[in-house]
């Protein structure tokens, strides 16, 4: 249990600092970065699976129609999430992306009840309501719906649902979900290169290396996340997930100088209060998982 919790927390820390990596690739289109993430992640997984001899387990999953469908759904959700995230970072919407990942833990709480029958108390219900108020406030004051935030929150929560239902070892689930979209990613890379808009056209060895290593950078936190999602409750997973947006918000405001207005502060404030209430509720109710992990 303790190893699973540490794995999940490390995944969220690594995801939090990823904007720095994607900013280094800002000369490349978001679609090309996405394709690189998918394709090179798949290649990394193939090598790793071969080394640890996990192919029989993969065959077992593929022969199970229901689990194979979850592979497809996981691949679609994570691809949508990645593209939105990469676009947001390089279009200077890191704060918007941060909002999405702040909302996500509360979406996870809702989904834990809908898909896994996990119950949450009145304080957790209040947390979800406060987060909704924050989103509505930002929408009304800014005059536009926070599309980036909502898409990120929903796609990653659904990715977690399908990942948990797939019930496969971390590396097996990762190779299968990337395999589903890898052919499309490869075609996209070839097409973008043929248009003179890929890393070859840029002629920068550093950018090329970063694009290739995107697979490793992507795979490591996903493997850590997959390990965590297996052995801890879905609602506790949501409890940890605000590590990522906190790091992202700090980077957006202090490192990249994005504007953080009073409207943002109030809207985020509702969500922060929601997360504090949710956290206190978890601690007060003496979550067995946290106690067992000596946290």
C-alpha atoms as a PDB file:
ATOM      1  CA  UNK A   1       0.000   0.000   0.000  1.00  0.00           C
ATOM      2  CA  UNK A   2       2.713   2.473   0.972  1.00  0.00           C
ATOM      3  CA  UNK A   3       4.620   1.889  -2.280  1.00  0.00           C
ATOM      4  CA  UNK A   4       1.441   2.504  -4.283  1.00  0.00           C
ATOM      5  CA  UNK A   5       0.788   5.802  -2.515  1.00  0.00           C
ATOM      6  CA  UNK A   6       4.378   6.963  -3.056  1.00  0.00           C
ATOM      7  CA  UNK A   7       4.151   5.964  -6.731  1.00  0.00           C
ATOM      8  CA  UNK A   8       0.979   7.987  -7.235  1.00  0.00           C
ATOM      9  CA  UNK A   9       2.431  11.036  -5.480  1.00  0.00           C
ATOM     10  CA  UNK A  10       5.647  10.902  -7.534  1.00  0.00           C
ATOM     11  CA  UNK A  11       3.605  10.721 -10.737  1.00  0.00           C
ATOM     12  CA  UNK A  12       1.794  13.920  -9.824  1.00  0.00           C
ATOM     13  CA  UNK A  13       5.049  15.732  -8.966  1.00  0.00           C
ATOM     14  CA  UNK A  14       6.567  14.789 -12.326  1.00  0.00           C
ATOM     15  CA  UNK A  15       3.416  15.884 -14.181  1.00  0.00           C
ATOM     16  CA  UNK A  16       3.586  19.191 -12.332  1.00  0.00           C
ATOM     17  CA  UNK A  17       7.027  20.059 -13.698  1.00  0.00           C
ATOM     18  CA  UNK A  18       6.362  18.814 -17.251  1.00  0.00           C
ATOM     19  CA  UNK A  19       5.425  22.308 -18.561  1.00  0.00           C
ATOM     20  CA  UNK A  20       9.142  23.131 -18.402  1.00  0.00           C
ATOM     21  CA  UNK A  21       9.823  20.250 -20.791  1.00  0.00           C
ATOM     22  CA  UNK A  22       7.031  21.136 -23.222  1.00  0.00           C
ATOM     23  CA  UNK A  23       8.081  24.795 -23.246  1.00  0.00           C
ATOM     24  CA  UNK A  24      11.471  23.629 -24.546  1.00  0.00           C
ATOM     25  CA  UNK A  25       9.582  22.175 -27.533  1.00  0.00           C
ATOM     26  CA  UNK A  26       7.448  25.268 -28.222  1.00  0.00           C
ATOM     27  CA  UNK A  27       8.912  25.597 -31.740  1.00  0.00           C
ATOM     28  CA  UNK A  28       7.177  22.336 -32.657  1.00  0.00           C
ATOM     29  CA  UNK A  29       3.407  22.087 -33.209  1.00  0.00           C
ATOM     30  CA  UNK A  30       1.321  20.611 -30.355  1.00  0.00           C
ATOM     31  CA  UNK A  31       0.113  17.832 -32.672  1.00  0.00           C
ATOM     32  CA  UNK A  32       3.698  16.789 -33.437  1.00  0.00           C
ATOM     33  CA  UNK A  33       4.614  16.815 -29.739  1.00  0.00           C
ATOM     34  CA  UNK A  34       1.543  14.684 -28.994  1.00  0.00           C
ATOM     35  CA  UNK A  35       2.437  12.237 -31.759  1.00  0.00           C
ATOM     36  CA  UNK A  36       5.997  12.029 -30.445  1.00  0.00           C
ATOM     37  CA  UNK A  37       4.769  11.369 -26.909  1.00  0.00           C
ATOM     38  CA  UNK A  38       2.558   8.535 -28.081  1.00  0.00           C
ATOM     39  CA  UNK A  39       4.904   6.921 -30.603  1.00  0.00           C
ATOM     40  CA  UNK A  40       8.093   7.017 -28.529  1.00  0.00           C
ATOM     41  CA  UNK A  41       6.206   5.951 -25.402  1.00  0.00           C
ATOM     42  CA  UNK A  42       5.050   2.905 -27.336  1.00  0.00           C
ATOM     43  CA  UNK A  43       8.592   2.112 -28.510  1.00  0.00           C
ATOM     44  CA  UNK A  44       9.884   2.489 -24.945  1.00  0.00           C
ATOM     45  CA  UNK A  45       7.175   0.120 -23.696  1.00  0.00           C
ATOM     46  CA  UNK A  46       7.891  -2.491 -26.378  1.00  0.00           C
ATOM     47  CA  UNK A  47      11.550  -2.602 -25.343  1.00  0.00           C
ATOM     48  CA  UNK A  48      10.696  -2.705 -21.651  1.00  0.00           C
ATOM     49  CA  UNK A  49       8.017  -5.392 -22.038  1.00  0.00           C
ATOM     50  CA  UNK A  50      10.433  -7.529 -24.027  1.00  0.00           C
ATOM     51  CA  UNK A  51      13.071  -7.231 -21.297  1.00  0.00           C
ATOM     52  CA  UNK A  52      10.707  -8.178 -18.466  1.00  0.00           C
ATOM     53  CA  UNK A  53       8.861 -10.778 -20.599  1.00  0.00           C
ATOM     54  CA  UNK A  54       5.301  -9.503 -20.174  1.00  0.00           C
ATOM     55  CA  UNK A  55       3.990 -10.504 -23.618  1.00  0.00           C
ATOM     56  CA  UNK A  56       1.891 -13.448 -22.285  1.00  0.00           C
ATOM     57  CA  UNK A  57      -0.021 -11.050 -20.015  1.00  0.00           C
ATOM     58  CA  UNK A  58      -0.629  -8.722 -22.961  1.00  0.00           C
ATOM     59  CA  UNK A  59      -2.035 -11.607 -24.963  1.00  0.00           C
ATOM     60  CA  UNK A  60      -4.400 -12.433 -22.086  1.00  0.00           C
ATOM     61  CA  UNK A  61      -5.742  -8.871 -22.017  1.00  0.00           C
ATOM     62  CA  UNK A  62      -6.167  -8.729 -25.795  1.00  0.00           C
ATOM     63  CA  UNK A  63      -8.219 -11.932 -25.737  1.00  0.00           C
ATOM     64  CA  UNK A  64     -10.610 -10.360 -23.224  1.00  0.00           C
ATOM     65  CA  UNK A  65     -12.994  -8.232 -25.299  1.00  0.00           C
ATOM     66  CA  UNK A  66     -14.126  -6.075 -22.376  1.00  0.00           C
ATOM     67  CA  UNK A  67     -10.598  -5.277 -21.238  1.00  0.00           C
ATOM     68  CA  UNK A  68      -9.524  -4.545 -24.812  1.00  0.00           C
ATOM     69  CA  UNK A  69     -12.327  -1.968 -25.077  1.00  0.00           C
ATOM     70  CA  UNK A  70     -10.990  -0.322 -21.921  1.00  0.00           C
ATOM     71  CA  UNK A  71      -7.570  -0.185 -23.624  1.00  0.00           C
ATOM     72  CA  UNK A  72      -9.077   1.699 -26.547  1.00  0.00           C
ATOM     73  CA  UNK A  73     -10.991   4.095 -24.299  1.00  0.00           C
ATOM     74  CA  UNK A  74      -7.889   4.729 -22.155  1.00  0.00           C
ATOM     75  CA  UNK A  75      -5.826   5.483 -25.249  1.00  0.00           C
ATOM     76  CA  UNK A  76      -8.410   7.948 -26.561  1.00  0.00           C
ATOM     77  CA  UNK A  77      -8.818   9.753 -23.238  1.00  0.00           C
ATOM     78  CA  UNK A  78      -5.107  10.104 -22.544  1.00  0.00           C
ATOM     79  CA  UNK A  79      -4.472  11.367 -26.100  1.00  0.00           C
ATOM     80  CA  UNK A  80      -7.152  14.045 -25.769  1.00  0.00           C
ATOM     81  CA  UNK A  81      -5.757  15.017 -22.385  1.00  0.00           C
ATOM     82  CA  UNK A  82      -2.174  15.221 -23.633  1.00  0.00           C
ATOM     83  CA  UNK A  83      -3.037  17.313 -26.685  1.00  0.00           C
ATOM     84  CA  UNK A  84      -5.091  19.797 -24.676  1.00  0.00           C
ATOM     85  CA  UNK A  85      -2.357  20.046 -22.061  1.00  0.00           C
ATOM     86  CA  UNK A  86       0.501  20.549 -24.538  1.00  0.00           C
ATOM     87  CA  UNK A  87      -1.482  23.151 -26.491  1.00  0.00           C
ATOM     88  CA  UNK A  88      -2.370  25.012 -23.286  1.00  0.00           C
ATOM     89  CA  UNK A  89       1.251  25.106 -22.070  1.00  0.00           C
ATOM     90  CA  UNK A  90       2.711  26.396 -25.327  1.00  0.00           C
ATOM     91  CA  UNK A  91      -0.180  28.837 -25.889  1.00  0.00           C
ATOM     92  CA  UNK A  92       0.527  30.381 -22.449  1.00  0.00           C
ATOM     93  CA  UNK A  93      -2.520  28.927 -20.721  1.00  0.00           C
ATOM     94  CA  UNK A  94      -0.672  27.111 -17.945  1.00  0.00           C
ATOM     95  CA  UNK A  95      -2.935  28.710 -15.328  1.00  0.00           C
ATOM     96  CA  UNK A  96      -6.022  27.447 -17.194  1.00  0.00           C
ATOM     97  CA  UNK A  97      -4.462  23.987 -17.299  1.00  0.00           C
ATOM     98  CA  UNK A  98      -3.743  24.281 -13.588  1.00  0.00           C
ATOM     99  CA  UNK A  99      -7.424  25.066 -12.967  1.00  0.00           C
ATOM    100  CA  UNK A 100      -8.362  21.885 -14.833  1.00  0.00           C
ATOM    101  CA  UNK A 101      -6.152  19.752 -12.659  1.00  0.00           C
ATOM    102  CA  UNK A 102      -7.447  21.460  -9.517  1.00  0.00           C
ATOM    103  CA  UNK A 103     -10.988  20.549 -10.574  1.00  0.00           C
ATOM    104  CA  UNK A 104     -10.018  17.001 -11.497  1.00  0.00           C
ATOM    105  CA  UNK A 105      -9.779  15.548  -7.950  1.00  0.00           C
ATOM    106  CA  UNK A 106     -13.359  16.596  -7.320  1.00  0.00           C
ATOM    107  CA  UNK A 107     -14.480  15.119 -10.644  1.00  0.00           C
ATOM    108  CA  UNK A 108     -12.709  11.939  -9.539  1.00  0.00           C
ATOM    109  CA  UNK A 109     -14.743  11.971  -6.325  1.00  0.00           C
ATOM    110  CA  UNK A 110     -17.939  12.136  -8.387  1.00  0.00           C
ATOM    111  CA  UNK A 111     -16.760   9.367 -10.702  1.00  0.00           C
ATOM    112  CA  UNK A 112     -15.725   7.205  -7.746  1.00  0.00           C
ATOM    113  CA  UNK A 113     -19.383   7.185  -6.719  1.00  0.00           C
ATOM    114  CA  UNK A 114     -20.739   6.754 -10.253  1.00  0.00           C
ATOM    115  CA  UNK A 115     -18.399   3.999 -11.456  1.00  0.00           C
ATOM    116  CA  UNK A 116     -17.107   2.257  -8.329  1.00  0.00           C
ATOM    117  CA  UNK A 117     -19.836   2.731  -5.761  1.00  0.00           C
ATOM    118  CA  UNK A 118     -17.520   4.583  -3.386  1.00  0.00           C
ATOM    119  CA  UNK A 119     -19.465   6.824  -1.021  1.00  0.00           C
ATOM    120  CA  UNK A 120     -18.536  10.337   0.014  1.00  0.00           C
ATOM    121  CA  UNK A 121     -19.914  12.290   2.966  1.00  0.00           C
ATOM    122  CA  UNK A 122     -21.620  15.681   3.211  1.00  0.00           C
ATOM    123  CA  UNK A 123     -18.283  17.529   3.470  1.00  0.00           C
ATOM    124  CA  UNK A 124     -17.002  15.932   0.298  1.00  0.00           C
ATOM    125  CA  UNK A 125     -20.313  16.818  -1.358  1.00  0.00           C
ATOM    126  CA  UNK A 126     -19.791  20.413  -0.216  1.00  0.00           C
ATOM    127  CA  UNK A 127     -16.311  20.338  -1.773  1.00  0.00           C
ATOM    128  CA  UNK A 128     -17.747  19.419  -5.165  1.00  0.00           C
ATOM    129  CA  UNK A 129     -20.370  22.178  -4.860  1.00  0.00           C
ATOM    130  CA  UNK A 130     -17.765  24.824  -3.968  1.00  0.00           C
ATOM    131  CA  UNK A 131     -15.602  23.803  -6.919  1.00  0.00           C
ATOM    132  CA  UNK A 132     -18.631  24.180  -9.179  1.00  0.00           C
ATOM    133  CA  UNK A 133     -19.251  27.667  -7.758  1.00  0.00           C
ATOM    134  CA  UNK A 134     -15.628  28.582  -8.532  1.00  0.00           C
ATOM    135  CA  UNK A 135     -15.926  27.448 -12.154  1.00  0.00           C
ATOM    136  CA  UNK A 136     -19.249  29.265 -12.606  1.00  0.00           C
ATOM    137  CA  UNK A 137     -17.781  32.451 -11.070  1.00  0.00           C
ATOM    138  CA  UNK A 138     -14.827  32.456 -13.461  1.00  0.00           C
ATOM    139  CA  UNK A 139     -17.138  31.742 -16.384  1.00  0.00           C
ATOM    140  CA  UNK A 140     -19.495  34.631 -15.554  1.00  0.00           C
ATOM    141  CA  UNK A 141     -16.765  37.169 -14.743  1.00  0.00           C
ATOM    142  CA  UNK A 142     -14.488  36.391 -17.682  1.00  0.00           C
ATOM    143  CA  UNK A 143     -17.421  35.846 -20.014  1.00  0.00           C
ATOM    144  CA  UNK A 144     -16.236  32.533 -21.397  1.00  0.00           C
ATOM    145  CA  UNK A 145     -16.456  28.934 -20.301  1.00  0.00           C
ATOM    146  CA  UNK A 146     -13.084  27.514 -19.107  1.00  0.00           C
ATOM    147  CA  UNK A 147     -12.968  24.913 -21.872  1.00  0.00           C
ATOM    148  CA  UNK A 148      -9.318  23.952 -21.380  1.00  0.00           C
ATOM    149  CA  UNK A 149      -9.835  23.347 -17.659  1.00  0.00           C
ATOM    150  CA  UNK A 150     -13.004  21.275 -18.085  1.00  0.00           C
ATOM    151  CA  UNK A 151     -11.600  19.158 -20.928  1.00  0.00           C
ATOM    152  CA  UNK A 152      -8.457  18.380 -18.905  1.00  0.00           C
ATOM    153  CA  UNK A 153     -10.457  17.532 -15.784  1.00  0.00           C
ATOM    154  CA  UNK A 154     -12.940  15.252 -17.525  1.00  0.00           C
ATOM    155  CA  UNK A 155     -10.527  13.427 -19.829  1.00  0.00           C
ATOM    156  CA  UNK A 156      -8.050  12.632 -17.069  1.00  0.00           C
ATOM    157  CA  UNK A 157     -10.769  11.506 -14.668  1.00  0.00           C
ATOM    158  CA  UNK A 158     -12.217   9.215 -17.339  1.00  0.00           C
ATOM    159  CA  UNK A 159      -8.718   7.956 -18.118  1.00  0.00           C
ATOM    160  CA  UNK A 160      -8.376   6.959 -14.467  1.00  0.00           C
ATOM    161  CA  UNK A 161     -11.738   5.174 -14.561  1.00  0.00           C
ATOM    162  CA  UNK A 162     -10.849   3.106 -17.637  1.00  0.00           C
ATOM    163  CA  UNK A 163      -7.364   2.445 -16.291  1.00  0.00           C
ATOM    164  CA  UNK A 164      -8.765   1.046 -13.067  1.00  0.00           C
ATOM    165  CA  UNK A 165     -11.340  -1.071 -14.883  1.00  0.00           C
ATOM    166  CA  UNK A 166      -8.660  -2.449 -17.217  1.00  0.00           C
ATOM    167  CA  UNK A 167      -6.974  -4.004 -14.159  1.00  0.00           C
ATOM    168  CA  UNK A 168      -3.620  -4.796 -15.761  1.00  0.00           C
ATOM    169  CA  UNK A 169      -0.035  -4.359 -14.579  1.00  0.00           C
ATOM    170  CA  UNK A 170       1.336  -0.826 -15.141  1.00  0.00           C
ATOM    171  CA  UNK A 171       3.577  -1.557 -18.115  1.00  0.00           C
ATOM    172  CA  UNK A 172       0.965  -3.773 -19.788  1.00  0.00           C
ATOM    173  CA  UNK A 173      -1.789  -1.168 -19.508  1.00  0.00           C
ATOM    174  CA  UNK A 174       0.562   1.538 -20.799  1.00  0.00           C
ATOM    175  CA  UNK A 175       1.771  -0.396 -23.831  1.00  0.00           C
ATOM    176  CA  UNK A 176      -1.777  -1.361 -24.786  1.00  0.00           C
ATOM    177  CA  UNK A 177      -3.248   2.136 -24.512  1.00  0.00           C
ATOM    178  CA  UNK A 178      -0.350   3.636 -26.506  1.00  0.00           C
ATOM    179  CA  UNK A 179      -0.518   0.806 -29.054  1.00  0.00           C
ATOM    180  CA  UNK A 180      -4.121   1.774 -29.821  1.00  0.00           C
ATOM    181  CA  UNK A 181      -3.110   5.260 -30.979  1.00  0.00           C
ATOM    182  CA  UNK A 182       0.552   4.703 -31.987  1.00  0.00           C
ATOM    183  CA  UNK A 183      -0.228   3.998 -35.696  1.00  0.00           C
ATOM    184  CA  UNK A 184      -2.132   7.294 -35.942  1.00  0.00           C
ATOM    185  CA  UNK A 185       0.702   9.079 -34.138  1.00  0.00           C
ATOM    186  CA  UNK A 186       3.290   7.676 -36.565  1.00  0.00           C
ATOM    187  CA  UNK A 187       1.253   8.775 -39.595  1.00  0.00           C
ATOM    188  CA  UNK A 188       0.840  12.238 -38.074  1.00  0.00           C
ATOM    189  CA  UNK A 189       4.611  12.544 -37.508  1.00  0.00           C
ATOM    190  CA  UNK A 190       5.366  11.530 -41.102  1.00  0.00           C
ATOM    191  CA  UNK A 191       2.787  13.961 -42.479  1.00  0.00           C
ATOM    192  CA  UNK A 192       3.993  16.904 -40.383  1.00  0.00           C
ATOM    193  CA  UNK A 193       7.606  16.191 -41.339  1.00  0.00           C
ATOM    194  CA  UNK A 194       6.595  16.079 -45.027  1.00  0.00           C
ATOM    195  CA  UNK A 195       5.116  19.548 -44.602  1.00  0.00           C
ATOM    196  CA  UNK A 196       8.441  20.823 -43.273  1.00  0.00           C
ATOM    197  CA  UNK A 197       7.060  21.459 -39.793  1.00  0.00           C
ATOM    198  CA  UNK A 198       8.651  18.651 -37.798  1.00  0.00           C
ATOM    199  CA  UNK A 199      11.904  18.399 -35.845  1.00  0.00           C
ATOM    200  CA  UNK A 200      13.924  17.424 -38.941  1.00  0.00           C
ATOM    201  CA  UNK A 201      12.980  20.697 -40.631  1.00  0.00           C
ATOM    202  CA  UNK A 202      14.100  22.654 -37.562  1.00  0.00           C
ATOM    203  CA  UNK A 203      17.504  21.020 -37.771  1.00  0.00           C
ATOM    204  CA  UNK A 204      18.131  21.231 -34.048  1.00  0.00           C
ATOM    205  CA  UNK A 205      19.716  18.140 -32.445  1.00  0.00           C
ATOM    206  CA  UNK A 206      18.518  19.302 -29.023  1.00  0.00           C
ATOM    207  CA  UNK A 207      14.875  19.635 -30.114  1.00  0.00           C
ATOM    208  CA  UNK A 208      15.065  16.273 -31.907  1.00  0.00           C
ATOM    209  CA  UNK A 209      16.456  14.603 -28.774  1.00  0.00           C
ATOM    210  CA  UNK A 210      13.755  16.185 -26.619  1.00  0.00           C
ATOM    211  CA  UNK A 211      11.042  14.960 -29.019  1.00  0.00           C
ATOM    212  CA  UNK A 212      12.388  11.393 -28.905  1.00  0.00           C
ATOM    213  CA  UNK A 213      12.852  11.444 -25.126  1.00  0.00           C
ATOM    214  CA  UNK A 214       9.233  12.605 -24.793  1.00  0.00           C
ATOM    215  CA  UNK A 215       8.407   8.902 -24.761  1.00  0.00           C
ATOM    216  CA  UNK A 216      10.491   8.239 -21.670  1.00  0.00           C
ATOM    217  CA  UNK A 217       9.335  11.451 -19.979  1.00  0.00           C
ATOM    218  CA  UNK A 218       5.756  10.388 -20.632  1.00  0.00           C
ATOM    219  CA  UNK A 219       6.119   6.727 -19.713  1.00  0.00           C
ATOM    220  CA  UNK A 220       7.753   7.119 -16.300  1.00  0.00           C
ATOM    221  CA  UNK A 221       4.978   9.096 -14.531  1.00  0.00           C
ATOM    222  CA  UNK A 222       2.311   7.007 -16.274  1.00  0.00           C
ATOM    223  CA  UNK A 223       3.898   3.820 -14.956  1.00  0.00           C
ATOM    224  CA  UNK A 224       4.029   5.329 -11.481  1.00  0.00           C
ATOM    225  CA  UNK A 225       0.380   6.402 -11.802  1.00  0.00           C
ATOM    226  CA  UNK A 226      -0.675   2.991 -13.073  1.00  0.00           C
ATOM    227  CA  UNK A 227       0.983   1.379 -10.058  1.00  0.00           C
ATOM    228  CA  UNK A 228      -0.833   3.744  -7.703  1.00  0.00           C
ATOM    229  CA  UNK A 229      -4.255   3.397  -9.305  1.00  0.00           C
ATOM    230  CA  UNK A 230      -4.179  -0.376  -8.851  1.00  0.00           C
ATOM    231  CA  UNK A 231      -3.960  -0.590  -5.088  1.00  0.00           C
ATOM    232  CA  UNK A 232      -5.556   2.534  -3.601  1.00  0.00           C
ATOM    233  CA  UNK A 233      -9.129   3.777  -3.722  1.00  0.00           C
ATOM    234  CA  UNK A 234     -10.145   6.027  -6.587  1.00  0.00           C
ATOM    235  CA  UNK A 235     -11.219   8.785  -4.198  1.00  0.00           C
ATOM    236  CA  UNK A 236      -7.837   8.735  -2.401  1.00  0.00           C
ATOM    237  CA  UNK A 237      -6.171   9.027  -5.803  1.00  0.00           C
ATOM    238  CA  UNK A 238      -8.131  12.239  -6.301  1.00  0.00           C
ATOM    239  CA  UNK A 239      -6.976  13.420  -2.885  1.00  0.00           C
ATOM    240  CA  UNK A 240      -3.335  13.365  -4.041  1.00  0.00           C
ATOM    241  CA  UNK A 241      -3.903  14.870  -7.429  1.00  0.00           C
ATOM    242  CA  UNK A 242      -3.826  18.547  -6.523  1.00  0.00           C
ATOM    243  CA  UNK A 243      -0.030  18.261  -6.182  1.00  0.00           C
ATOM    244  CA  UNK A 244       0.210  18.682  -9.971  1.00  0.00           C
ATOM    245  CA  UNK A 245      -1.843  21.888 -10.407  1.00  0.00           C
ATOM    246  CA  UNK A 246      -0.120  23.547  -7.438  1.00  0.00           C
ATOM    247  CA  UNK A 247       3.262  23.126  -9.124  1.00  0.00           C
ATOM    248  CA  UNK A 248       1.803  24.197 -12.483  1.00  0.00           C
ATOM    249  CA  UNK A 249       0.208  27.326 -11.030  1.00  0.00           C
ATOM    250  CA  UNK A 250       3.524  28.308  -9.439  1.00  0.00           C
ATOM    251  CA  UNK A 251       5.334  27.831 -12.767  1.00  0.00           C
ATOM    252  CA  UNK A 252       2.697  29.742 -14.731  1.00  0.00           C
ATOM    253  CA  UNK A 253       2.718  32.780 -12.449  1.00  0.00           C
ATOM    254  CA  UNK A 254       6.324  32.994 -11.231  1.00  0.00           C
ATOM    255  CA  UNK A 255       8.384  31.360 -13.980  1.00  0.00           C
ATOM    256  CA  UNK A 256       6.437  32.234 -17.129  1.00  0.00           C
ATOM    257  CA  UNK A 257       4.751  35.453 -15.975  1.00  0.00           C
ATOM    258  CA  UNK A 258       1.162  34.583 -16.875  1.00  0.00           C
ATOM    259  CA  UNK A 259      -1.475  37.010 -15.611  1.00  0.00           C
ATOM    260  CA  UNK A 260      -3.306  35.950 -12.461  1.00  0.00           C
ATOM    261  CA  UNK A 261      -6.182  38.375 -11.880  1.00  0.00           C
ATOM    262  CA  UNK A 262      -8.451  38.992  -8.898  1.00  0.00           C
ATOM    263  CA  UNK A 263     -11.164  37.048 -10.735  1.00  0.00           C
ATOM    264  CA  UNK A 264      -8.783  34.110 -11.017  1.00  0.00           C
ATOM    265  CA  UNK A 265      -7.918  34.434  -7.338  1.00  0.00           C
ATOM    266  CA  UNK A 266     -11.571  34.341  -6.250  1.00  0.00           C
ATOM    267  CA  UNK A 267     -12.446  31.463  -8.583  1.00  0.00           C
ATOM    268  CA  UNK A 268      -9.397  29.478  -7.557  1.00  0.00           C
ATOM    269  CA  UNK A 269     -10.171  30.415  -3.949  1.00  0.00           C
ATOM    270  CA  UNK A 270     -13.470  28.520  -4.045  1.00  0.00           C
ATOM    271  CA  UNK A 271     -11.634  25.487  -5.409  1.00  0.00           C
ATOM    272  CA  UNK A 272      -8.833  25.742  -2.840  1.00  0.00           C
ATOM    273  CA  UNK A 273     -11.392  25.912  -0.031  1.00  0.00           C
ATOM    274  CA  UNK A 274     -13.128  22.900  -1.546  1.00  0.00           C
ATOM    275  CA  UNK A 275      -9.863  20.969  -1.538  1.00  0.00           C
ATOM    276  CA  UNK A 276      -9.086  21.995   2.052  1.00  0.00           C
ATOM    277  CA  UNK A 277     -12.522  20.791   3.194  1.00  0.00           C
ATOM    278  CA  UNK A 278     -12.058  17.571   1.259  1.00  0.00           C
ATOM    279  CA  UNK A 279      -8.622  17.037   2.789  1.00  0.00           C
ATOM    280  CA  UNK A 280      -9.778  17.719   6.358  1.00  0.00           C
ATOM    281  CA  UNK A 281     -12.727  15.390   5.826  1.00  0.00           C
ATOM    282  CA  UNK A 282     -10.374  12.602   4.728  1.00  0.00           C
ATOM    283  CA  UNK A 283      -8.113  13.137   7.718  1.00  0.00           C
ATOM    284  CA  UNK A 284     -11.003  13.485  10.185  1.00  0.00           C
ATOM    285  CA  UNK A 285     -12.587  10.262   9.004  1.00  0.00           C
ATOM    286  CA  UNK A 286      -9.257   8.513   9.551  1.00  0.00           C
ATOM    287  CA  UNK A 287      -8.721   7.093   6.100  1.00  0.00           C
ATOM    288  CA  UNK A 288      -7.427   3.571   6.698  1.00  0.00           C
ATOM    289  CA  UNK A 289      -5.240   3.827   3.630  1.00  0.00           C
ATOM    290  CA  UNK A 290      -3.366   6.829   4.974  1.00  0.00           C
ATOM    291  CA  UNK A 291      -2.938   5.239   8.382  1.00  0.00           C
ATOM    292  CA  UNK A 292      -1.666   2.006   6.907  1.00  0.00           C
ATOM    293  CA  UNK A 293       0.895   3.948   4.917  1.00  0.00           C
ATOM    294  CA  UNK A 294       2.026   5.774   8.079  1.00  0.00           C
ATOM    295  CA  UNK A 295       1.313   9.138   6.495  1.00  0.00           C
END
